Amino acid sequence: MFITFEGIEGSGKSTQLRRLAERLPDAVITKEPGGTPLADRIRAILLDSSSHLDPIAELFLFAASRRQNVIEVIKPALAHGNVVLCDRFTDSTLAYQGFGRLINIDQLRTLNAWATDSLTPDLTLLFDLPEEIGLTRARSRNAGAAQDEGRFEAEELRFHRRVREGYRALAVAEPERFVVIDGDGEVDDVFARVVAEVQKRTELLR
């Protein structure tokens, strides 16, 4: 079982992943970008606010990080029978680079397929909230931090609006895979919805 957590900056997805992981002690936890030593080094470049990356260069770095994570972590864990919980996956590329950066979606889908051997999540939890709220949360979270997590938070509000709209469009297109969860609520209330949806759509937590 492969479950991915998606959402705009400040959506609370990482918090909810950690909460679910506490209920699934044998699950393998990973993230994108990152997840392996090499992918973590790529992550540092991608999220560094001092990195002035061309959008296509950014795209290829994300794909390289994803490939390492899929080959070294995700596919072996799934083959072993583990549940895998991943903080961001291919839908992030479609939302951020496609809708956000306005790169051709069909080309992105092809690149995603190459990077993952066409691996598709069994369930994607999309944490949705107004981009103004998410961005305020994210910037508050990273205030005073070094330059390691701030590059996307520094984007203009209209970029984040396009990303959110992109995510919502992806969810409409694949309702059998996506569950949209209101992320603008108390952490415990949001997690109760996560548990309910996981129980409804999988054999986990029963």
C-alpha atoms as a PDB file:
ATOM      1  CA  MET A   1       0.000   0.000   0.000  1.00  0.00           C
ATOM      2  CA  PHE A   2       1.482   3.296  -1.166  1.00  0.00           C
ATOM      3  CA  ILE A   3      -0.057   6.450   0.339  1.00  0.00           C
ATOM      4  CA  THR A   4       1.060   9.942  -0.626  1.00  0.00           C
ATOM      5  CA  PHE A   5       0.417  13.228   1.148  1.00  0.00           C
ATOM      6  CA  GLU A   6       0.012  16.338  -0.990  1.00  0.00           C
ATOM      7  CA  GLY A   7      -0.848  19.991  -0.544  1.00  0.00           C
ATOM      8  CA  ILE A   8       0.335  23.549  -0.876  1.00  0.00           C
ATOM      9  CA  GLU A   9       2.885  25.085   1.466  1.00  0.00           C
ATOM     10  CA  GLY A  10       1.573  25.157   5.033  1.00  0.00           C
ATOM     11  CA  SER A  11      -1.232  22.680   4.369  1.00  0.00           C
ATOM     12  CA  GLY A  12      -0.321  20.504   7.366  1.00  0.00           C
ATOM     13  CA  LYS A  13       0.334  17.368   5.326  1.00  0.00           C
ATOM     14  CA  SER A  14       3.658  16.580   7.005  1.00  0.00           C
ATOM     15  CA  THR A  15       2.099  16.800  10.457  1.00  0.00           C
ATOM     16  CA  GLN A  16      -0.689  14.449   9.414  1.00  0.00           C
ATOM     17  CA  LEU A  17       1.787  12.005   7.879  1.00  0.00           C
ATOM     18  CA  ARG A  18       3.660  11.848  11.173  1.00  0.00           C
ATOM     19  CA  ARG A  19       0.409  11.276  13.060  1.00  0.00           C
ATOM     20  CA  LEU A  20      -0.602   8.438  10.754  1.00  0.00           C
ATOM     21  CA  ALA A  21       2.864   6.911  10.977  1.00  0.00           C
ATOM     22  CA  GLU A  22       2.409   6.630  14.737  1.00  0.00           C
ATOM     23  CA  ARG A  23      -0.595   4.377  14.054  1.00  0.00           C
ATOM     24  CA  LEU A  24       1.332   2.300  11.500  1.00  0.00           C
ATOM     25  CA  PRO A  25       4.628   1.422  13.217  1.00  0.00           C
ATOM     26  CA  ASP A  26       5.808  -0.859  10.402  1.00  0.00           C
ATOM     27  CA  ALA A  27       5.282   1.740   7.696  1.00  0.00           C
ATOM     28  CA  VAL A  28       8.217   3.111   5.725  1.00  0.00           C
ATOM     29  CA  ILE A  29       8.288   6.913   5.832  1.00  0.00           C
ATOM     30  CA  THR A  30       9.865   8.971   3.086  1.00  0.00           C
ATOM     31  CA  LYS A  31       9.627  12.394   1.474  1.00  0.00           C
ATOM     32  CA  GLU A  32      10.242  14.290  -1.725  1.00  0.00           C
ATOM     33  CA  PRO A  33      12.537  15.806  -2.517  1.00  0.00           C
ATOM     34  CA  GLY A  34      14.758  13.622  -0.380  1.00  0.00           C
ATOM     35  CA  GLY A  35      14.531  10.162   1.096  1.00  0.00           C
ATOM     36  CA  THR A  36      18.060   8.948   0.299  1.00  0.00           C
ATOM     37  CA  PRO A  37      21.500  10.464   0.985  1.00  0.00           C
ATOM     38  CA  LEU A  38      21.850  11.679  -2.606  1.00  0.00           C
ATOM     39  CA  ALA A  39      18.241  12.845  -2.810  1.00  0.00           C
ATOM     40  CA  ASP A  40      18.684  14.768   0.439  1.00  0.00           C
ATOM     41  CA  ARG A  41      21.617  16.641  -1.080  1.00  0.00           C
ATOM     42  CA  ILE A  42      19.446  17.508  -4.057  1.00  0.00           C
ATOM     43  CA  ARG A  43      16.715  18.623  -1.638  1.00  0.00           C
ATOM     44  CA  ALA A  44      19.100  21.104  -0.049  1.00  0.00           C
ATOM     45  CA  ILE A  45      19.669  22.743  -3.433  1.00  0.00           C
ATOM     46  CA  LEU A  46      15.998  22.767  -4.387  1.00  0.00           C
ATOM     47  CA  LEU A  47      14.750  24.350  -1.169  1.00  0.00           C
ATOM     48  CA  ASP A  48      17.609  26.804  -0.630  1.00  0.00           C
ATOM     49  CA  SER A  49      16.266  30.317  -1.133  1.00  0.00           C
ATOM     50  CA  SER A  50      19.659  31.363  -2.508  1.00  0.00           C
ATOM     51  CA  SER A  51      19.378  28.846  -5.365  1.00  0.00           C
ATOM     52  CA  HIS A  52      18.397  30.693  -8.526  1.00  0.00           C
ATOM     53  CA  LEU A  53      17.247  27.725 -10.542  1.00  0.00           C
ATOM     54  CA  ASP A  54      15.898  27.780 -14.055  1.00  0.00           C
ATOM     55  CA  PRO A  55      12.460  26.079 -14.026  1.00  0.00           C
ATOM     56  CA  ILE A  56      13.646  23.230 -16.257  1.00  0.00           C
ATOM     57  CA  ALA A  57      16.770  22.694 -14.155  1.00  0.00           C
ATOM     58  CA  GLU A  58      14.521  22.631 -11.086  1.00  0.00           C
ATOM     59  CA  LEU A  59      12.308  20.044 -12.767  1.00  0.00           C
ATOM     60  CA  PHE A  60      15.194  17.715 -13.581  1.00  0.00           C
ATOM     61  CA  LEU A  61      16.562  17.956 -10.039  1.00  0.00           C
ATOM     62  CA  PHE A  62      13.176  16.934  -8.657  1.00  0.00           C
ATOM     63  CA  ALA A  63      13.070  14.031 -11.103  1.00  0.00           C
ATOM     64  CA  ALA A  64      16.581  12.893 -10.145  1.00  0.00           C
ATOM     65  CA  SER A  65      15.718  13.000  -6.451  1.00  0.00           C
ATOM     66  CA  ARG A  66      12.499  11.083  -7.100  1.00  0.00           C
ATOM     67  CA  ARG A  67      14.268   8.400  -9.115  1.00  0.00           C
ATOM     68  CA  GLN A  68      16.719   7.701  -6.298  1.00  0.00           C
ATOM     69  CA  ASN A  69      13.903   7.578  -3.756  1.00  0.00           C
ATOM     70  CA  VAL A  70      11.801   5.209  -5.859  1.00  0.00           C
ATOM     71  CA  ILE A  71      14.663   2.821  -6.620  1.00  0.00           C
ATOM     72  CA  GLU A  72      16.322   2.827  -3.194  1.00  0.00           C
ATOM     73  CA  VAL A  73      13.369   3.209  -0.812  1.00  0.00           C
ATOM     74  CA  ILE A  74       9.844   3.038  -2.194  1.00  0.00           C
ATOM     75  CA  LYS A  75       9.898   0.059  -4.559  1.00  0.00           C
ATOM     76  CA  PRO A  76      11.965  -2.169  -2.228  1.00  0.00           C
ATOM     77  CA  ALA A  77       9.624  -1.373   0.677  1.00  0.00           C
ATOM     78  CA  LEU A  78       6.528  -2.145  -1.378  1.00  0.00           C
ATOM     79  CA  ALA A  79       8.095  -5.376  -2.642  1.00  0.00           C
ATOM     80  CA  HIS A  80       8.734  -6.342   0.981  1.00  0.00           C
ATOM     81  CA  GLY A  81       5.074  -5.781   1.836  1.00  0.00           C
ATOM     82  CA  ASN A  82       5.480  -2.566   3.802  1.00  0.00           C
ATOM     83  CA  VAL A  83       3.063   0.325   3.770  1.00  0.00           C
ATOM     84  CA  VAL A  84       4.858   3.385   2.373  1.00  0.00           C
ATOM     85  CA  LEU A  85       3.881   6.906   3.435  1.00  0.00           C
ATOM     86  CA  CYS A  86       5.434   9.561   1.202  1.00  0.00           C
ATOM     87  CA  ASP A  87       5.416  13.313   1.814  1.00  0.00           C
ATOM     88  CA  ARG A  88       4.892  14.547  -1.778  1.00  0.00           C
ATOM     89  CA  PHE A  89       5.249  12.535  -4.973  1.00  0.00           C
ATOM     90  CA  THR A  90       4.509  12.966  -8.678  1.00  0.00           C
ATOM     91  CA  ASP A  91       1.409  15.104  -8.124  1.00  0.00           C
ATOM     92  CA  SER A  92       3.647  17.783  -6.626  1.00  0.00           C
ATOM     93  CA  THR A  93       5.474  18.012  -9.943  1.00  0.00           C
ATOM     94  CA  LEU A  94       2.214  18.423 -11.838  1.00  0.00           C
ATOM     95  CA  ALA A  95       0.921  21.041  -9.392  1.00  0.00           C
ATOM     96  CA  TYR A  96       4.103  23.059  -8.830  1.00  0.00           C
ATOM     97  CA  GLN A  97       5.979  22.740 -12.106  1.00  0.00           C
ATOM     98  CA  GLY A  98       2.916  22.277 -14.314  1.00  0.00           C
ATOM     99  CA  PHE A  99       0.284  24.614 -12.915  1.00  0.00           C
ATOM    100  CA  GLY A 100       2.707  26.779 -10.935  1.00  0.00           C
ATOM    101  CA  ARG A 101       5.605  27.122 -13.395  1.00  0.00           C
ATOM    102  CA  LEU A 102       3.365  26.581 -16.449  1.00  0.00           C
ATOM    103  CA  ILE A 103       5.464  23.739 -17.883  1.00  0.00           C
ATOM    104  CA  ASN A 104       3.632  21.429 -20.287  1.00  0.00           C
ATOM    105  CA  ILE A 105       1.643  18.882 -18.274  1.00  0.00           C
ATOM    106  CA  ASP A 106       1.961  16.063 -20.801  1.00  0.00           C
ATOM    107  CA  GLN A 107       5.739  16.404 -20.782  1.00  0.00           C
ATOM    108  CA  LEU A 108       5.703  16.325 -16.990  1.00  0.00           C
ATOM    109  CA  ARG A 109       3.636  13.150 -16.975  1.00  0.00           C
ATOM    110  CA  THR A 110       6.165  11.514 -19.287  1.00  0.00           C
ATOM    111  CA  LEU A 111       9.064  12.566 -17.071  1.00  0.00           C
ATOM    112  CA  ASN A 112       7.230  11.325 -13.978  1.00  0.00           C
ATOM    113  CA  ALA A 113       6.679   7.957 -15.635  1.00  0.00           C
ATOM    114  CA  TRP A 114      10.374   7.647 -16.484  1.00  0.00           C
ATOM    115  CA  ALA A 115      11.455   8.634 -12.986  1.00  0.00           C
ATOM    116  CA  THR A 116       9.102   6.209 -11.240  1.00  0.00           C
ATOM    117  CA  ASP A 117       8.718   3.318 -13.684  1.00  0.00           C
ATOM    118  CA  SER A 118       5.083   4.499 -13.860  1.00  0.00           C
ATOM    119  CA  LEU A 119       4.538   3.879 -10.143  1.00  0.00           C
ATOM    120  CA  THR A 120       1.199   5.325  -9.002  1.00  0.00           C
ATOM    121  CA  PRO A 121       0.051   5.771  -5.387  1.00  0.00           C
ATOM    122  CA  ASP A 122      -2.826   3.639  -4.142  1.00  0.00           C
ATOM    123  CA  LEU A 123      -4.211   6.578  -2.181  1.00  0.00           C
ATOM    124  CA  THR A 124      -3.395  10.286  -2.237  1.00  0.00           C
ATOM    125  CA  LEU A 125      -4.491  12.512   0.639  1.00  0.00           C
ATOM    126  CA  LEU A 126      -4.706  16.124  -0.545  1.00  0.00           C
ATOM    127  CA  PHE A 127      -4.793  18.690   2.248  1.00  0.00           C
ATOM    128  CA  ASP A 128      -6.563  21.745   0.901  1.00  0.00           C
ATOM    129  CA  LEU A 129      -6.843  25.209   2.383  1.00  0.00           C
ATOM    130  CA  PRO A 130      -6.764  28.796   1.111  1.00  0.00           C
ATOM    131  CA  GLU A 131      -3.338  29.678  -0.186  1.00  0.00           C
ATOM    132  CA  GLU A 132      -3.191  32.829   1.944  1.00  0.00           C
ATOM    133  CA  ILE A 133      -3.560  30.757   5.111  1.00  0.00           C
ATOM    134  CA  GLY A 134      -1.090  28.118   4.020  1.00  0.00           C
ATOM    135  CA  LEU A 135       1.520  30.645   3.007  1.00  0.00           C
ATOM    136  CA  THR A 136       1.170  32.528   6.295  1.00  0.00           C
ATOM    137  CA  ARG A 137       1.657  29.258   8.183  1.00  0.00           C
ATOM    138  CA  ALA A 138       4.679  28.284   6.103  1.00  0.00           C
ATOM    139  CA  ARG A 139       6.388  31.637   6.390  1.00  0.00           C
ATOM    140  CA  SER A 140       5.772  31.720  10.131  1.00  0.00           C
ATOM    141  CA  ARG A 141       7.179  28.196  10.457  1.00  0.00           C
ATOM    142  CA  ASN A 142      10.353  29.146   8.606  1.00  0.00           C
ATOM    143  CA  ALA A 143      10.820  32.616  10.056  1.00  0.00           C
ATOM    144  CA  GLY A 144      14.368  33.046  11.239  1.00  0.00           C
ATOM    145  CA  ALA A 145      15.480  29.777   9.692  1.00  0.00           C
ATOM    146  CA  ALA A 146      18.503  29.567   7.461  1.00  0.00           C
ATOM    147  CA  GLN A 147      18.047  29.565   3.708  1.00  0.00           C
ATOM    148  CA  ASP A 148      17.201  25.875   3.599  1.00  0.00           C
ATOM    149  CA  GLU A 149      13.414  25.783   3.366  1.00  0.00           C
ATOM    150  CA  GLY A 150      12.278  29.110   1.999  1.00  0.00           C
ATOM    151  CA  ARG A 151      12.495  29.149  -1.791  1.00  0.00           C
ATOM    152  CA  PHE A 152       8.900  28.168  -2.526  1.00  0.00           C
ATOM    153  CA  GLU A 153       7.491  30.243   0.321  1.00  0.00           C
ATOM    154  CA  ALA A 154       9.124  33.260  -1.343  1.00  0.00           C
ATOM    155  CA  GLU A 155       7.010  32.841  -4.481  1.00  0.00           C
ATOM    156  CA  GLU A 156       4.196  35.308  -5.116  1.00  0.00           C
ATOM    157  CA  LEU A 157       0.687  34.540  -3.945  1.00  0.00           C
ATOM    158  CA  ARG A 158      -0.532  34.004  -7.511  1.00  0.00           C
ATOM    159  CA  PHE A 159       1.967  31.161  -7.915  1.00  0.00           C
ATOM    160  CA  HIS A 160       0.535  29.415  -4.853  1.00  0.00           C
ATOM    161  CA  ARG A 161      -2.990  30.064  -6.117  1.00  0.00           C
ATOM    162  CA  ARG A 162      -2.160  28.285  -9.373  1.00  0.00           C
ATOM    163  CA  VAL A 163      -0.626  25.389  -7.445  1.00  0.00           C
ATOM    164  CA  ARG A 164      -3.738  25.014  -5.304  1.00  0.00           C
ATOM    165  CA  GLU A 165      -5.998  25.169  -8.349  1.00  0.00           C
ATOM    166  CA  GLY A 166      -3.797  22.553  -9.989  1.00  0.00           C
ATOM    167  CA  TYR A 167      -4.093  20.180  -7.076  1.00  0.00           C
ATOM    168  CA  ARG A 168      -7.859  20.547  -7.042  1.00  0.00           C
ATOM    169  CA  ALA A 169      -8.013  19.830 -10.771  1.00  0.00           C
ATOM    170  CA  LEU A 170      -5.900  16.699 -10.324  1.00  0.00           C
ATOM    171  CA  ALA A 171      -8.228  15.493  -7.568  1.00  0.00           C
ATOM    172  CA  VAL A 172     -11.296  16.016  -9.749  1.00  0.00           C
ATOM    173  CA  ALA A 173      -9.650  14.055 -12.561  1.00  0.00           C
ATOM    174  CA  GLU A 174      -8.829  11.046 -10.344  1.00  0.00           C
ATOM    175  CA  PRO A 175     -11.503  10.764  -7.636  1.00  0.00           C
ATOM    176  CA  GLU A 176     -10.796   7.063  -7.144  1.00  0.00           C
ATOM    177  CA  ARG A 177      -7.270   7.866  -5.933  1.00  0.00           C
ATOM    178  CA  PHE A 178      -7.567  11.293  -4.321  1.00  0.00           C
ATOM    179  CA  VAL A 179      -9.219  12.246  -1.057  1.00  0.00           C
ATOM    180  CA  VAL A 180      -9.470  15.986  -0.485  1.00  0.00           C
ATOM    181  CA  ILE A 181      -9.268  16.892   3.195  1.00  0.00           C
ATOM    182  CA  ASP A 182      -9.920  20.363   4.599  1.00  0.00           C
ATOM    183  CA  GLY A 183      -6.585  21.365   6.105  1.00  0.00           C
ATOM    184  CA  ASP A 184      -7.918  24.546   7.703  1.00  0.00           C
ATOM    185  CA  GLY A 185      -8.882  23.089  11.058  1.00  0.00           C
ATOM    186  CA  GLU A 186      -7.575  21.778  14.341  1.00  0.00           C
ATOM    187  CA  VAL A 187      -4.871  19.149  13.952  1.00  0.00           C
ATOM    188  CA  ASP A 188      -6.886  16.507  15.815  1.00  0.00           C
ATOM    189  CA  ASP A 189      -9.995  17.147  13.729  1.00  0.00           C
ATOM    190  CA  VAL A 190      -8.029  16.882  10.498  1.00  0.00           C
ATOM    191  CA  PHE A 191      -6.409  13.667  11.688  1.00  0.00           C
ATOM    192  CA  ALA A 192      -9.792  12.159  12.531  1.00  0.00           C
ATOM    193  CA  ARG A 193     -10.771  12.690   8.902  1.00  0.00           C
ATOM    194  CA  VAL A 194      -7.494  11.113   7.760  1.00  0.00           C
ATOM    195  CA  VAL A 195      -8.158   8.019   9.863  1.00  0.00           C
ATOM    196  CA  ALA A 196     -11.734   7.772   8.626  1.00  0.00           C
ATOM    197  CA  GLU A 197     -10.691   7.993   4.981  1.00  0.00           C
ATOM    198  CA  VAL A 198      -7.848   5.498   5.368  1.00  0.00           C
ATOM    199  CA  GLN A 199     -10.211   3.056   7.077  1.00  0.00           C
ATOM    200  CA  LYS A 200     -12.831   3.528   4.368  1.00  0.00           C
ATOM    201  CA  ARG A 201     -10.490   3.080   1.419  1.00  0.00           C
ATOM    202  CA  THR A 202      -7.981   0.525   2.720  1.00  0.00           C
ATOM    203  CA  GLU A 203      -7.699  -2.406   5.123  1.00  0.00           C
ATOM    204  CA  LEU A 204      -5.420  -0.389   7.395  1.00  0.00           C
ATOM    205  CA  LEU A 205      -6.355   0.767  10.916  1.00  0.00           C
ATOM    206  CA  ARG A 206      -9.253  -1.700  11.134  1.00  0.00           C
END
